[in-house]
Amino acid sequence: MNDPRNEAEPGPEHAETGWLREALAEVAYDITPSRLPLAAVERQGRRLRRRRRATVLGAGFGLLLVPLALVAPHATGSDTERTTPPAASAAAAPPPSASPVSTLRVVASGERVTAAPGFRLWLTAEGKHWTAPTSPEPQFRSVVDGNIDRNTPGVSLQSEMADGRVYLSGLYYGGKGVASAVEIETKAGTVHGKLIELAGHPGWGVWYATTEVDSDAGPDVGSWDFVSQVTVHDTEGGIYARLKPR
């Protein structure tokens, strides 16, 4: 056993330290802590958050600029020169020539067609019949007497004049396709006439037209002097048959 008499007594240094601790404790109990400045802390926190957000956005914007800087050089220099321009629009092809408006009329045998006062025409299986102001008695041109070859394209012409007007008519025959319109070149200009045919596609028909002329031309104007060309067109705008008197 240890003899309590042998334990060392506390020295003066330990006594002083204990006294100091007791004194500090008494003072601490007497101090009332001040209120925490919460408003100032919140303001400082908001400033710090804004500063961090600005720093992050600046860093992100800088990262975006890097790929843009890498891509930009590819849009310049030789690559730009190799860029293929838009293909030029193909030039519009000229529209096909329009087919003439059909003036063909299909008639029954003996059916009268009045082209102008005193100028009447009708067809039979034998050929063309007509009257004119200068020839009130019926006239006739045959399609069966052998004077025309109905297997070869052809156009005939008859012309009469009365009171400053010319009455034109004739046969057409032998063309391919279907006759549709007729165009007559005259000294008075281009005249567009009309066509008549019998039902059943007989392979021939009659064209007719009228036009005014200068009264100074006199009664002697004839078909070979007044008309320079007669062209019968088909439904496609092509030539069914043509006559050139001169």
C-alpha atoms as a PDB file:
ATOM      1  CA  MET A   1       0.000   0.000   0.000  1.00  0.00           C
ATOM      2  CA  ASN A   2       1.034   3.427  -0.701  1.00  0.00           C
ATOM      3  CA  ASP A   3       1.597   5.610   2.201  1.00  0.00           C
ATOM      4  CA  PRO A   4      -0.436   8.842   1.833  1.00  0.00           C
ATOM      5  CA  ARG A   5       2.327  10.560   3.498  1.00  0.00           C
ATOM      6  CA  ASN A   6       4.542   9.703   0.637  1.00  0.00           C
ATOM      7  CA  GLU A   7       2.205  11.569  -2.029  1.00  0.00           C
ATOM      8  CA  ALA A   8       3.528  14.877  -3.273  1.00  0.00           C
ATOM      9  CA  GLU A   9       1.617  17.984  -2.290  1.00  0.00           C
ATOM     10  CA  PRO A  10       0.343  20.209  -5.110  1.00  0.00           C
ATOM     11  CA  GLY A  11       2.683  22.940  -6.043  1.00  0.00           C
ATOM     12  CA  PRO A  12       1.954  26.651  -6.334  1.00  0.00           C
ATOM     13  CA  GLU A  13       1.595  26.407 -10.215  1.00  0.00           C
ATOM     14  CA  HIS A  14      -1.402  24.062 -10.035  1.00  0.00           C
ATOM     15  CA  ALA A  15      -3.068  26.295  -7.504  1.00  0.00           C
ATOM     16  CA  GLU A  16      -2.766  29.321  -9.738  1.00  0.00           C
ATOM     17  CA  THR A  17      -4.197  27.483 -12.800  1.00  0.00           C
ATOM     18  CA  GLY A  18      -7.236  26.363 -10.896  1.00  0.00           C
ATOM     19  CA  TRP A  19      -7.930  29.812  -9.587  1.00  0.00           C
ATOM     20  CA  LEU A  20      -7.754  31.240 -13.152  1.00  0.00           C
ATOM     21  CA  ARG A  21     -10.254  28.713 -14.487  1.00  0.00           C
ATOM     22  CA  GLU A  22     -12.708  29.514 -11.734  1.00  0.00           C
ATOM     23  CA  ALA A  23     -12.385  33.233 -12.406  1.00  0.00           C
ATOM     24  CA  LEU A  24     -13.013  32.800 -16.186  1.00  0.00           C
ATOM     25  CA  ALA A  25     -16.034  30.621 -15.535  1.00  0.00           C
ATOM     26  CA  GLU A  26     -17.611  33.255 -13.289  1.00  0.00           C
ATOM     27  CA  VAL A  27     -17.042  35.956 -15.880  1.00  0.00           C
ATOM     28  CA  ALA A  28     -18.511  33.765 -18.681  1.00  0.00           C
ATOM     29  CA  TYR A  29     -21.704  33.217 -16.708  1.00  0.00           C
ATOM     30  CA  ASP A  30     -22.094  36.954 -16.330  1.00  0.00           C
ATOM     31  CA  ILE A  31     -21.801  37.684 -20.134  1.00  0.00           C
ATOM     32  CA  THR A  32     -25.049  37.828 -22.194  1.00  0.00           C
ATOM     33  CA  PRO A  33     -24.380  36.942 -25.873  1.00  0.00           C
ATOM     34  CA  SER A  34     -25.481  39.530 -28.504  1.00  0.00           C
ATOM     35  CA  ARG A  35     -28.111  38.659 -31.185  1.00  0.00           C
ATOM     36  CA  LEU A  36     -26.817  37.108 -34.380  1.00  0.00           C
ATOM     37  CA  PRO A  37     -26.964  39.614 -37.351  1.00  0.00           C
ATOM     38  CA  LEU A  38     -29.227  37.401 -39.517  1.00  0.00           C
ATOM     39  CA  ALA A  39     -30.098  40.064 -42.124  1.00  0.00           C
ATOM     40  CA  ALA A  40     -26.451  40.770 -42.794  1.00  0.00           C
ATOM     41  CA  VAL A  41     -25.716  37.066 -43.065  1.00  0.00           C
ATOM     42  CA  GLU A  42     -28.542  36.590 -45.584  1.00  0.00           C
ATOM     43  CA  ARG A  43     -27.341  39.517 -47.714  1.00  0.00           C
ATOM     44  CA  GLN A  44     -23.836  38.150 -47.736  1.00  0.00           C
ATOM     45  CA  GLY A  45     -25.145  34.692 -48.666  1.00  0.00           C
ATOM     46  CA  ARG A  46     -27.092  36.123 -51.630  1.00  0.00           C
ATOM     47  CA  ARG A  47     -24.022  37.999 -52.840  1.00  0.00           C
ATOM     48  CA  LEU A  48     -21.973  34.833 -52.666  1.00  0.00           C
ATOM     49  CA  ARG A  49     -24.603  32.827 -54.550  1.00  0.00           C
ATOM     50  CA  ARG A  50     -24.829  35.459 -57.333  1.00  0.00           C
ATOM     51  CA  ARG A  51     -21.075  35.538 -57.595  1.00  0.00           C
ATOM     52  CA  ARG A  52     -20.907  31.753 -57.926  1.00  0.00           C
ATOM     53  CA  ARG A  53     -23.730  31.730 -60.535  1.00  0.00           C
ATOM     54  CA  ALA A  54     -21.981  34.382 -62.630  1.00  0.00           C
ATOM     55  CA  THR A  55     -18.784  32.396 -62.420  1.00  0.00           C
ATOM     56  CA  VAL A  56     -20.533  29.201 -63.584  1.00  0.00           C
ATOM     57  CA  LEU A  57     -22.340  30.956 -66.492  1.00  0.00           C
ATOM     58  CA  GLY A  58     -19.132  32.596 -67.635  1.00  0.00           C
ATOM     59  CA  ALA A  59     -17.385  29.250 -67.610  1.00  0.00           C
ATOM     60  CA  GLY A  60     -20.249  27.621 -69.597  1.00  0.00           C
ATOM     61  CA  PHE A  61     -20.256  30.403 -72.191  1.00  0.00           C
ATOM     62  CA  GLY A  62     -16.556  29.972 -72.627  1.00  0.00           C
ATOM     63  CA  LEU A  63     -17.050  26.238 -73.217  1.00  0.00           C
ATOM     64  CA  LEU A  64     -19.647  26.981 -75.927  1.00  0.00           C
ATOM     65  CA  LEU A  65     -17.286  29.312 -77.725  1.00  0.00           C
ATOM     66  CA  VAL A  66     -14.708  26.554 -78.074  1.00  0.00           C
ATOM     67  CA  PRO A  67     -16.725  24.307 -80.486  1.00  0.00           C
ATOM     68  CA  LEU A  68     -17.932  27.387 -82.379  1.00  0.00           C
ATOM     69  CA  ALA A  69     -14.355  28.460 -82.864  1.00  0.00           C
ATOM     70  CA  LEU A  70     -13.507  24.949 -84.062  1.00  0.00           C
ATOM     71  CA  VAL A  71     -16.425  24.860 -86.531  1.00  0.00           C
ATOM     72  CA  ALA A  72     -16.005  28.379 -87.964  1.00  0.00           C
ATOM     73  CA  PRO A  73     -12.811  27.672 -89.948  1.00  0.00           C
ATOM     74  CA  HIS A  74     -14.620  24.928 -91.893  1.00  0.00           C
ATOM     75  CA  ALA A  75     -17.089  27.496 -93.321  1.00  0.00           C
ATOM     76  CA  THR A  76     -14.358  29.597 -94.911  1.00  0.00           C
ATOM     77  CA  GLY A  77     -11.567  29.158 -97.352  1.00  0.00           C
ATOM     78  CA  SER A  78     -11.580  26.393 -99.911  1.00  0.00           C
ATOM     79  CA  ASP A  79     -14.675  24.702 -98.461  1.00  0.00           C
ATOM     80  CA  THR A  80     -16.734  27.782 -99.273  1.00  0.00           C
ATOM     81  CA  GLU A  81     -15.433  27.750-102.807  1.00  0.00           C
ATOM     82  CA  ARG A  82     -16.486  24.113-103.171  1.00  0.00           C
ATOM     83  CA  THR A  83     -20.045  24.808-102.041  1.00  0.00           C
ATOM     84  CA  THR A  84     -22.401  23.761-104.817  1.00  0.00           C
ATOM     85  CA  PRO A  85     -24.787  26.587-105.748  1.00  0.00           C
ATOM     86  CA  PRO A  86     -28.477  25.782-106.099  1.00  0.00           C
ATOM     87  CA  ALA A  87     -29.280  24.233-109.424  1.00  0.00           C
ATOM     88  CA  ALA A  88     -30.626  26.778-111.840  1.00  0.00           C
ATOM     89  CA  SER A  89     -34.244  26.308-112.725  1.00  0.00           C
ATOM     90  CA  ALA A  90     -34.617  24.534-116.004  1.00  0.00           C
ATOM     91  CA  ALA A  91     -35.787  26.839-118.723  1.00  0.00           C
ATOM     92  CA  ALA A  92     -39.450  26.310-119.311  1.00  0.00           C
ATOM     93  CA  ALA A  93     -40.024  24.370-122.489  1.00  0.00           C
ATOM     94  CA  PRO A  94     -42.065  26.270-125.044  1.00  0.00           C
ATOM     95  CA  PRO A  95     -45.674  25.142-124.919  1.00  0.00           C
ATOM     96  CA  PRO A  96     -46.765  22.944-127.779  1.00  0.00           C
ATOM     97  CA  SER A  97     -48.657  24.693-130.514  1.00  0.00           C
ATOM     98  CA  ALA A  98     -52.299  24.732-129.624  1.00  0.00           C
ATOM     99  CA  SER A  99     -54.610  22.715-131.808  1.00  0.00           C
ATOM    100  CA  PRO A 100     -57.017  24.890-133.807  1.00  0.00           C
ATOM    101  CA  VAL A 101     -60.524  25.174-132.506  1.00  0.00           C
ATOM    102  CA  SER A 102     -62.602  22.676-134.415  1.00  0.00           C
ATOM    103  CA  THR A 103     -65.172  24.133-136.812  1.00  0.00           C
ATOM    104  CA  LEU A 104     -66.262  20.773-138.203  1.00  0.00           C
ATOM    105  CA  ARG A 105     -69.998  20.190-138.430  1.00  0.00           C
ATOM    106  CA  VAL A 106     -71.451  16.796-139.255  1.00  0.00           C
ATOM    107  CA  VAL A 107     -74.597  17.048-141.375  1.00  0.00           C
ATOM    108  CA  ALA A 108     -77.187  14.691-142.807  1.00  0.00           C
ATOM    109  CA  SER A 109     -77.437  14.119-146.533  1.00  0.00           C
ATOM    110  CA  GLY A 110     -79.246  17.076-148.127  1.00  0.00           C
ATOM    111  CA  GLU A 111     -79.160  19.190-144.938  1.00  0.00           C
ATOM    112  CA  ARG A 112     -78.817  22.873-145.892  1.00  0.00           C
ATOM    113  CA  VAL A 113     -76.141  25.036-144.219  1.00  0.00           C
ATOM    114  CA  THR A 114     -76.424  28.821-144.628  1.00  0.00           C
ATOM    115  CA  ALA A 115     -72.960  30.370-144.720  1.00  0.00           C
ATOM    116  CA  ALA A 116     -74.208  33.877-145.633  1.00  0.00           C
ATOM    117  CA  PRO A 117     -77.343  35.379-147.169  1.00  0.00           C
ATOM    118  CA  GLY A 118     -77.738  33.700-150.559  1.00  0.00           C
ATOM    119  CA  PHE A 119     -74.755  31.383-149.887  1.00  0.00           C
ATOM    120  CA  ARG A 120     -75.972  27.890-148.968  1.00  0.00           C
ATOM    121  CA  LEU A 121     -74.301  24.489-149.075  1.00  0.00           C
ATOM    122  CA  TRP A 122     -75.410  20.844-148.666  1.00  0.00           C
ATOM    123  CA  LEU A 123     -73.863  17.428-149.200  1.00  0.00           C
ATOM    124  CA  THR A 124     -74.977  14.135-150.662  1.00  0.00           C
ATOM    125  CA  ALA A 125     -73.087  10.892-151.143  1.00  0.00           C
ATOM    126  CA  GLU A 126     -72.243  12.075-154.703  1.00  0.00           C
ATOM    127  CA  GLY A 127     -70.596  15.360-153.690  1.00  0.00           C
ATOM    128  CA  LYS A 128     -70.937  19.064-152.950  1.00  0.00           C
ATOM    129  CA  HIS A 129     -73.973  21.244-153.768  1.00  0.00           C
ATOM    130  CA  TRP A 130     -74.236  25.015-153.279  1.00  0.00           C
ATOM    131  CA  THR A 131     -75.820  28.292-154.315  1.00  0.00           C
ATOM    132  CA  ALA A 132     -74.347  31.817-154.232  1.00  0.00           C
ATOM    133  CA  PRO A 133     -75.800  35.325-154.699  1.00  0.00           C
ATOM    134  CA  THR A 134     -74.389  35.411-158.246  1.00  0.00           C
ATOM    135  CA  SER A 135     -75.544  31.822-158.972  1.00  0.00           C
ATOM    136  CA  PRO A 136     -78.972  31.201-157.429  1.00  0.00           C
ATOM    137  CA  GLU A 137     -79.256  27.950-159.355  1.00  0.00           C
ATOM    138  CA  PRO A 138     -77.636  24.991-157.543  1.00  0.00           C
ATOM    139  CA  GLN A 139     -74.101  24.052-158.564  1.00  0.00           C
ATOM    140  CA  PHE A 140     -72.412  20.703-158.080  1.00  0.00           C
ATOM    141  CA  ARG A 141     -68.938  19.111-157.684  1.00  0.00           C
ATOM    142  CA  SER A 142     -68.766  15.325-157.758  1.00  0.00           C
ATOM    143  CA  VAL A 143     -66.608  13.133-155.539  1.00  0.00           C
ATOM    144  CA  VAL A 144     -67.436   9.919-157.422  1.00  0.00           C
ATOM    145  CA  ASP A 145     -66.834  10.782-161.094  1.00  0.00           C
ATOM    146  CA  GLY A 146     -63.083  10.147-160.909  1.00  0.00           C
ATOM    147  CA  ASN A 147     -62.023  13.794-161.116  1.00  0.00           C
ATOM    148  CA  ILE A 148     -60.469  13.591-157.633  1.00  0.00           C
ATOM    149  CA  ASP A 149     -58.378  10.880-155.983  1.00  0.00           C
ATOM    150  CA  ARG A 150     -59.911  10.381-152.556  1.00  0.00           C
ATOM    151  CA  ASN A 151     -56.891   8.329-151.483  1.00  0.00           C
ATOM    152  CA  THR A 152     -54.523  11.295-151.906  1.00  0.00           C
ATOM    153  CA  PRO A 153     -54.737  14.495-149.774  1.00  0.00           C
ATOM    154  CA  GLY A 154     -56.193  17.333-151.803  1.00  0.00           C
ATOM    155  CA  VAL A 155     -58.232  20.554-151.693  1.00  0.00           C
ATOM    156  CA  SER A 156     -60.301  22.199-154.428  1.00  0.00           C
ATOM    157  CA  LEU A 157     -61.423  25.818-154.695  1.00  0.00           C
ATOM    158  CA  GLN A 158     -64.452  27.669-156.052  1.00  0.00           C
ATOM    159  CA  SER A 159     -64.786  31.443-155.662  1.00  0.00           C
ATOM    160  CA  GLU A 160     -67.491  33.976-156.499  1.00  0.00           C
ATOM    161  CA  MET A 161     -67.782  37.710-155.779  1.00  0.00           C
ATOM    162  CA  ALA A 162     -70.822  39.935-155.274  1.00  0.00           C
ATOM    163  CA  ASP A 163     -71.213  43.426-153.767  1.00  0.00           C
ATOM    164  CA  GLY A 164     -67.705  43.642-152.317  1.00  0.00           C
ATOM    165  CA  ARG A 165     -67.774  40.137-150.800  1.00  0.00           C
ATOM    166  CA  VAL A 166     -66.085  36.954-151.914  1.00  0.00           C
ATOM    167  CA  TYR A 167     -67.724  33.546-151.360  1.00  0.00           C
ATOM    168  CA  LEU A 168     -65.169  30.778-151.061  1.00  0.00           C
ATOM    169  CA  SER A 169     -65.711  27.016-150.878  1.00  0.00           C
ATOM    170  CA  GLY A 170     -64.306  23.695-152.055  1.00  0.00           C
ATOM    171  CA  LEU A 171     -63.761  20.004-151.392  1.00  0.00           C
ATOM    172  CA  TYR A 172     -61.118  18.452-149.124  1.00  0.00           C
ATOM    173  CA  TYR A 173     -60.286  14.755-149.114  1.00  0.00           C
ATOM    174  CA  GLY A 174     -57.738  11.984-148.678  1.00  0.00           C
ATOM    175  CA  GLY A 175     -55.936  13.267-145.576  1.00  0.00           C
ATOM    176  CA  LYS A 176     -54.931  11.260-142.525  1.00  0.00           C
ATOM    177  CA  GLY A 177     -56.725  11.738-139.250  1.00  0.00           C
ATOM    178  CA  VAL A 178     -59.807  13.902-138.809  1.00  0.00           C
ATOM    179  CA  ALA A 179     -60.201  17.320-140.429  1.00  0.00           C
ATOM    180  CA  SER A 180     -60.878  20.035-137.874  1.00  0.00           C
ATOM    181  CA  ALA A 181     -60.392  23.569-139.224  1.00  0.00           C
ATOM    182  CA  VAL A 182     -59.486  25.490-142.375  1.00  0.00           C
ATOM    183  CA  GLU A 183     -57.292  28.546-142.921  1.00  0.00           C
ATOM    184  CA  ILE A 184     -57.360  30.558-146.155  1.00  0.00           C
ATOM    185  CA  GLU A 185     -54.634  33.019-147.148  1.00  0.00           C
ATOM    186  CA  THR A 186     -56.108  35.798-149.322  1.00  0.00           C
ATOM    187  CA  LYS A 187     -55.206  39.239-150.552  1.00  0.00           C
ATOM    188  CA  ALA A 188     -57.529  40.568-147.851  1.00  0.00           C
ATOM    189  CA  GLY A 189     -55.634  38.641-145.157  1.00  0.00           C
ATOM    190  CA  THR A 190     -56.030  35.319-143.398  1.00  0.00           C
ATOM    191  CA  VAL A 191     -59.583  34.010-143.275  1.00  0.00           C
ATOM    192  CA  HIS A 192     -60.736  31.201-140.986  1.00  0.00           C
ATOM    193  CA  GLY A 193     -63.482  29.135-142.528  1.00  0.00           C
ATOM    194  CA  LYS A 194     -65.645  26.183-141.509  1.00  0.00           C
ATOM    195  CA  LEU A 195     -66.037  22.526-142.459  1.00  0.00           C
ATOM    196  CA  ILE A 196     -68.987  20.230-143.060  1.00  0.00           C
ATOM    197  CA  GLU A 197     -68.998  16.453-143.511  1.00  0.00           C
ATOM    198  CA  LEU A 198     -71.502  13.669-143.846  1.00  0.00           C
ATOM    199  CA  ALA A 199     -71.876  11.301-140.924  1.00  0.00           C
ATOM    200  CA  GLY A 200     -69.780   8.136-140.955  1.00  0.00           C
ATOM    201  CA  HIS A 201     -66.340   9.578-141.915  1.00  0.00           C
ATOM    202  CA  PRO A 202     -66.719   9.461-145.681  1.00  0.00           C
ATOM    203  CA  GLY A 203     -63.099  10.578-146.248  1.00  0.00           C
ATOM    204  CA  TRP A 204     -64.049  13.889-147.757  1.00  0.00           C
ATOM    205  CA  GLY A 205     -65.918  17.079-146.863  1.00  0.00           C
ATOM    206  CA  VAL A 206     -66.535  20.697-147.829  1.00  0.00           C
ATOM    207  CA  TRP A 207     -64.897  23.869-146.552  1.00  0.00           C
ATOM    208  CA  TYR A 208     -66.331  27.383-146.911  1.00  0.00           C
ATOM    209  CA  ALA A 209     -65.689  31.017-145.927  1.00  0.00           C
ATOM    210  CA  THR A 210     -66.621  34.569-146.879  1.00  0.00           C
ATOM    211  CA  THR A 211     -64.653  37.812-146.707  1.00  0.00           C
ATOM    212  CA  GLU A 212     -64.929  41.390-147.849  1.00  0.00           C
ATOM    213  CA  VAL A 213     -62.757  42.830-150.618  1.00  0.00           C
ATOM    214  CA  ASP A 214     -61.936  46.285-151.915  1.00  0.00           C
ATOM    215  CA  SER A 215     -64.743  47.444-154.187  1.00  0.00           C
ATOM    216  CA  ASP A 216     -62.096  48.610-156.659  1.00  0.00           C
ATOM    217  CA  ALA A 217     -61.178  44.995-157.301  1.00  0.00           C
ATOM    218  CA  GLY A 218     -64.199  44.761-159.610  1.00  0.00           C
ATOM    219  CA  PRO A 219     -66.226  41.729-160.546  1.00  0.00           C
ATOM    220  CA  ASP A 220     -63.301  39.966-162.237  1.00  0.00           C
ATOM    221  CA  VAL A 221     -61.542  38.896-159.045  1.00  0.00           C
ATOM    222  CA  GLY A 222     -60.969  35.172-159.446  1.00  0.00           C
ATOM    223  CA  SER A 223     -60.002  32.362-157.139  1.00  0.00           C
ATOM    224  CA  TRP A 224     -56.488  32.050-158.571  1.00  0.00           C
ATOM    225  CA  ASP A 225     -55.824  35.762-158.096  1.00  0.00           C
ATOM    226  CA  PHE A 226     -57.419  36.307-154.705  1.00  0.00           C
ATOM    227  CA  VAL A 227     -56.515  33.121-152.807  1.00  0.00           C
ATOM    228  CA  SER A 228     -52.880  32.123-152.322  1.00  0.00           C
ATOM    229  CA  GLN A 229     -53.297  29.069-150.070  1.00  0.00           C
ATOM    230  CA  VAL A 230     -55.928  26.882-148.432  1.00  0.00           C
ATOM    231  CA  THR A 231     -54.869  24.653-145.508  1.00  0.00           C
ATOM    232  CA  VAL A 232     -57.130  22.146-143.811  1.00  0.00           C
ATOM    233  CA  HIS A 233     -55.832  21.195-140.343  1.00  0.00           C
ATOM    234  CA  ASP A 234     -56.469  17.991-138.448  1.00  0.00           C
ATOM    235  CA  THR A 235     -57.475  17.689-134.800  1.00  0.00           C
ATOM    236  CA  GLU A 236     -53.790  17.651-133.721  1.00  0.00           C
ATOM    237  CA  GLY A 237     -52.996  20.935-135.484  1.00  0.00           C
ATOM    238  CA  GLY A 238     -51.197  19.197-138.348  1.00  0.00           C
ATOM    239  CA  ILE A 239     -51.996  19.453-142.043  1.00  0.00           C
ATOM    240  CA  TYR A 240     -54.802  17.262-143.312  1.00  0.00           C
ATOM    241  CA  ALA A 241     -54.588  18.641-146.871  1.00  0.00           C
ATOM    242  CA  ARG A 242     -53.340  21.831-148.574  1.00  0.00           C
ATOM    243  CA  LEU A 243     -53.842  23.724-151.819  1.00  0.00           C
ATOM    244  CA  LYS A 244     -51.497  26.311-153.317  1.00  0.00           C
ATOM    245  CA  PRO A 245     -53.137  27.728-156.433  1.00  0.00           C
ATOM    246  CA  ARG A 246     -49.960  29.542-157.478  1.00  0.00           C
END
